[in-house]
Amino acid sequence: MRMQVKNYAIAGGTSGIGKALADQLLAEGHRVFVCSRKAEGLPSGAEHIIWDALEEQAPNGLPDVLHGAVYTPGSINLRMFRSLKVADFQHDFAISVLGAVRFLQAVHPALKASGQGSALLFSTVAVGQGMPFHASIAAAKGAVEGLVRTLAAEWAPSVRVNAIAPSLVETPMAARLLDTDAKKESSAKRHPLARYGKAEEIAALAAFLLSDHAGWISGQVIGADGGLSTLRTQ
């Protein structure tokens, strides 16, 4: 049986988890439209759409039918609450939430047109765990989780909406948290599985949630965190 070629849009698909996901979808023979400010790092075979998540305009040039849409932009702003300014909260909210809103409003008609669309966002393990120094990013990603559940209800049954909540994953955005052996060892020890995540692992989960195999999953925030959110080994 011949595989159906599907159309996927990925915001922020030139590095980290977004790029790993784009590479996987392209390897499966699908069309991938990457929305990003620059083409640097664009996966081979992907189609590029210039778009800045912090600007008002919607991405132009997307196909009329989309089977999946993924919003990956985010931030890692780990600071003590007393040192955070209101502008820090506004910036993280703008990237994680308002950018996602613009993207989802742009792609929804095309997702609905497919009759079986799937939208995917990203949260963080820190929303449910209450971790120090995560006030700004946890506040923003908490809003993402609320958005996911609301849209999953509002867009059913034609479009599924889910989120992945990772712990620390080795990506360019997290490089400063893993730039020494001591940091790597400390980060690994925090997780029951004794290591931090890989972009390819999160991408594999994302690809599953976008696929027909996850056709009965919607409104969920799924942890991929090395057991950090649920396990205690000591």
Protein backbone atom coordinates (compact mmCIF):
# COMPACT_ATOMS: atom_id res chain seq x y z
CA MET A 1 0.00 0.00 0.00
CA ARG A 2 1.41 3.34 -1.04
CA MET A 3 2.08 5.80 1.77
CA GLN A 4 0.12 9.05 1.71
CA VAL A 5 2.38 12.07 1.36
CA LYS A 6 1.32 14.61 3.95
CA ASN A 7 2.01 18.32 4.44
CA TYR A 8 3.53 19.52 7.69
CA ALA A 9 4.36 23.03 8.88
CA ILE A 10 7.00 23.50 11.57
CA ALA A 11 7.66 26.85 13.19
CA GLY A 12 11.30 26.93 14.24
CA GLY A 13 12.45 23.91 12.26
CA THR A 14 16.06 24.91 11.64
CA SER A 15 17.60 23.69 14.90
CA GLY A 16 17.03 21.46 17.89
CA ILE A 17 13.84 19.45 18.21
CA GLY A 18 12.17 21.21 15.28
CA LYS A 19 14.96 20.29 12.90
CA ALA A 20 15.11 16.72 14.18
CA LEU A 21 11.37 16.40 13.56
CA ALA A 22 11.64 17.92 10.09
CA ASP A 23 14.43 15.49 9.21
CA GLN A 24 12.31 12.55 10.35
CA LEU A 25 9.20 13.64 8.44
CA LEU A 26 11.24 14.30 5.30
CA ALA A 27 12.87 10.87 5.59
CA GLU A 28 9.37 9.39 5.61
CA GLY A 29 8.65 11.14 2.31
CA HIS A 30 6.41 13.97 3.51
CA ARG A 31 6.47 17.65 2.53
CA VAL A 32 7.73 19.93 5.26
CA PHE A 33 7.33 23.70 5.37
CA VAL A 34 9.70 25.34 7.85
CA CYS A 35 8.71 28.77 9.15
CA SER A 36 11.70 30.66 10.53
CA ARG A 37 13.49 33.99 10.35
CA LYS A 38 16.47 32.60 8.44
CA ALA A 39 17.13 29.65 6.16
CA GLU A 40 20.39 28.82 7.92
CA GLY A 41 20.12 25.25 9.19
CA LEU A 42 17.16 24.45 6.95
CA PRO A 43 16.81 20.65 6.61
CA SER A 44 17.58 19.34 3.14
CA GLY A 45 14.36 18.99 1.19
CA ALA A 46 12.29 21.32 3.36
CA GLU A 47 10.54 24.36 1.93
CA HIS A 48 11.33 27.61 3.70
CA ILE A 49 8.86 30.33 4.68
CA ILE A 50 10.33 33.48 6.18
CA TRP A 51 8.46 34.23 9.40
CA ASP A 52 9.28 35.82 12.75
CA ALA A 53 7.15 34.57 15.63
CA LEU A 54 7.53 37.92 17.41
CA GLU A 55 6.05 39.94 14.56
CA GLU A 56 2.37 40.50 13.90
CA GLN A 57 2.02 39.09 10.40
CA ALA A 58 1.05 35.49 9.77
CA PRO A 59 3.31 33.15 7.76
CA ASN A 60 2.57 33.36 4.03
CA GLY A 61 2.98 30.59 1.49
CA LEU A 62 1.60 27.63 3.40
CA PRO A 63 -0.39 25.04 1.44
CA ASP A 64 -4.18 25.01 1.52
CA VAL A 65 -4.16 21.61 3.21
CA LEU A 66 -2.00 20.71 6.21
CA HIS A 67 -2.00 17.42 8.07
CA GLY A 68 0.15 18.67 10.92
CA ALA A 69 1.48 21.90 12.39
CA VAL A 70 4.13 22.19 15.10
CA TYR A 71 5.20 25.28 17.04
CA THR A 72 8.65 24.86 18.62
CA PRO A 73 9.97 28.37 19.46
CA GLY A 74 10.62 28.99 23.13
CA SER A 75 13.15 30.32 25.60
CA ILE A 76 15.23 29.19 28.55
CA ASN A 77 15.32 32.08 30.98
CA LEU A 78 16.49 30.61 34.30
CA ARG A 79 16.85 33.38 36.88
CA MET A 80 15.81 34.12 40.42
CA PHE A 81 12.34 35.65 40.61
CA ARG A 82 13.64 38.79 42.31
CA SER A 83 15.98 39.46 39.36
CA LEU A 84 13.30 39.06 36.70
CA LYS A 85 11.72 42.16 35.20
CA VAL A 86 8.21 42.43 33.85
CA ALA A 87 9.83 42.67 30.42
CA ASP A 88 11.31 39.18 30.91
CA PHE A 89 7.84 37.73 31.51
CA GLN A 90 6.47 39.64 28.53
CA HIS A 91 9.26 38.38 26.26
CA ASP A 92 8.87 34.73 27.23
CA PHE A 93 5.08 34.99 26.93
CA ALA A 94 5.42 36.60 23.50
CA ILE A 95 7.61 33.76 22.21
CA SER A 96 5.83 30.80 23.76
CA VAL A 97 2.20 31.95 23.68
CA LEU A 98 1.54 34.87 21.34
CA GLY A 99 3.76 33.42 18.62
CA ALA A 100 1.90 30.13 18.94
CA VAL A 101 -1.43 31.96 18.71
CA ARG A 102 -0.41 33.69 15.46
CA PHE A 103 0.88 30.43 14.01
CA LEU A 104 -2.17 28.39 14.98
CA GLN A 105 -4.60 30.99 13.69
CA ALA A 106 -2.75 30.92 10.37
CA VAL A 107 -2.65 27.14 10.01
CA HIS A 108 -6.06 26.19 11.41
CA PRO A 109 -8.02 26.49 8.12
CA ALA A 110 -5.51 24.23 6.36
CA LEU A 111 -5.51 21.73 9.22
CA LYS A 112 -9.29 21.62 9.19
CA ALA A 113 -9.28 21.15 5.41
CA SER A 114 -7.36 17.89 5.81
CA GLY A 115 -10.18 16.45 7.91
CA GLN A 116 -7.65 14.89 10.27
CA GLY A 117 -5.25 17.66 11.25
CA SER A 118 -2.94 17.58 14.23
CA ALA A 119 -1.39 20.56 16.02
CA LEU A 120 1.48 20.19 18.48
CA LEU A 121 2.98 22.65 20.95
CA PHE A 122 5.70 22.42 23.59
CA SER A 123 5.50 22.95 27.33
CA THR A 124 8.07 22.08 30.02
CA VAL A 125 8.32 19.69 32.95
CA ALA A 126 8.67 22.79 35.16
CA VAL A 127 4.98 23.68 34.81
CA GLY A 128 3.90 20.67 36.85
CA GLN A 129 6.95 20.32 39.09
CA GLY A 130 7.50 23.75 40.62
CA MET A 131 11.23 24.24 40.01
CA PRO A 132 13.23 27.21 41.30
CA PHE A 133 14.44 29.81 38.79
CA HIS A 134 11.71 28.84 36.28
CA ALA A 135 9.11 31.51 37.11
CA SER A 136 9.02 33.23 33.75
CA ILE A 137 9.20 30.22 31.47
CA ALA A 138 6.86 28.10 33.63
CA ALA A 139 4.29 30.91 33.62
CA ALA A 140 4.44 31.14 29.83
CA LYS A 141 4.33 27.40 29.25
CA GLY A 142 1.50 27.04 31.75
CA ALA A 143 -0.48 29.29 29.44
CA VAL A 144 0.50 27.03 26.53
CA GLU A 145 -1.00 24.05 28.32
CA GLY A 146 -4.23 25.92 28.86
CA LEU A 147 -4.29 26.90 25.19
CA VAL A 148 -3.76 23.29 24.14
CA ARG A 149 -6.71 21.99 26.13
CA THR A 150 -9.00 24.82 25.03
CA LEU A 151 -8.22 24.43 21.34
CA ALA A 152 -8.42 20.65 21.54
CA ALA A 153 -12.02 21.05 22.69
CA GLU A 154 -12.87 23.88 20.31
CA TRP A 155 -11.35 22.29 17.21
CA ALA A 156 -12.59 18.74 17.75
CA PRO A 157 -13.26 16.54 15.89
CA SER A 158 -11.42 17.77 12.79
CA VAL A 159 -8.16 18.87 14.45
CA ARG A 160 -6.34 17.26 17.36
CA VAL A 161 -4.20 19.44 19.65
CA ASN A 162 -1.53 18.14 22.04
CA ALA A 163 1.68 19.22 23.73
CA ILE A 164 4.94 17.64 24.82
CA ALA A 165 6.49 18.68 28.13
CA PRO A 166 10.20 17.81 28.05
CA SER A 167 12.86 18.17 30.67
CA LEU A 168 16.35 19.27 29.63
CA VAL A 169 17.15 18.24 26.05
CA GLU A 170 20.52 18.63 24.36
CA THR A 171 19.81 21.36 21.78
CA PRO A 172 21.55 24.59 20.72
CA MET A 173 19.13 26.55 22.94
CA ALA A 174 20.20 24.55 25.98
CA ALA A 175 23.91 24.61 25.14
CA ARG A 176 24.90 26.91 27.99
CA LEU A 177 23.35 24.48 30.49
CA LEU A 178 25.52 21.64 29.19
CA ASP A 179 28.75 23.41 28.24
CA THR A 180 30.98 21.70 30.84
CA ASP A 181 31.40 18.13 32.01
CA ALA A 182 30.30 19.15 35.50
CA LYS A 183 27.05 20.61 34.18
CA LYS A 184 26.40 17.54 32.07
CA GLU A 185 26.96 15.23 35.03
CA SER A 186 24.77 17.31 37.32
CA SER A 187 21.97 17.49 34.76
CA ALA A 188 22.09 13.76 34.16
CA LYS A 189 21.92 12.95 37.88
CA ARG A 190 18.73 15.01 38.30
CA HIS A 191 16.82 12.52 36.16
CA PRO A 192 15.80 9.02 37.30
CA LEU A 193 17.03 7.65 33.94
CA ALA A 194 20.40 9.26 34.70
CA ARG A 195 20.73 11.33 31.54
CA TYR A 196 19.28 14.32 29.76
CA GLY A 197 17.23 14.02 26.59
CA LYS A 198 18.10 13.94 22.92
CA ALA A 199 16.33 16.00 20.27
CA GLU A 200 15.72 12.89 18.17
CA GLU A 201 13.83 11.24 21.04
CA ILE A 202 11.44 14.16 21.44
CA ALA A 203 11.07 14.37 17.67
CA ALA A 204 10.06 10.70 17.53
CA LEU A 205 7.30 11.35 20.08
CA ALA A 206 6.22 14.43 18.13
CA ALA A 207 6.04 12.44 14.90
CA PHE A 208 3.87 9.85 16.61
CA LEU A 209 1.46 12.49 17.95
CA LEU A 210 1.16 13.96 14.46
CA SER A 211 0.49 10.57 12.88
CA ASP A 212 -2.67 8.57 12.37
CA HIS A 213 -1.42 6.18 15.06
CA ALA A 214 -2.28 8.89 17.61
CA GLY A 215 -5.69 9.52 16.07
CA TRP A 216 -7.51 9.08 19.41
CA ILE A 217 -5.21 11.38 21.41
CA SER A 218 -6.12 15.04 21.89
CA GLY A 219 -5.97 17.63 24.64
CA GLN A 220 -2.98 15.94 26.28
CA VAL A 221 0.27 17.25 27.69
CA ILE A 222 2.67 14.32 27.50
CA GLY A 223 5.85 14.25 29.56
CA ALA A 224 9.14 13.23 28.02
CA ASP A 225 11.46 13.94 30.90
CA GLY A 226 13.57 10.95 31.88
CA GLY A 227 11.12 10.17 34.66
CA LEU A 228 11.66 13.50 36.41
CA SER A 229 7.99 14.40 36.75
CA THR A 230 6.78 11.12 38.24
CA LEU A 231 9.64 9.01 39.62
CA ARG A 232 11.65 9.12 42.83
CA THR A 233 14.61 6.76 42.92
CA GLN A 234 16.06 7.87 46.27
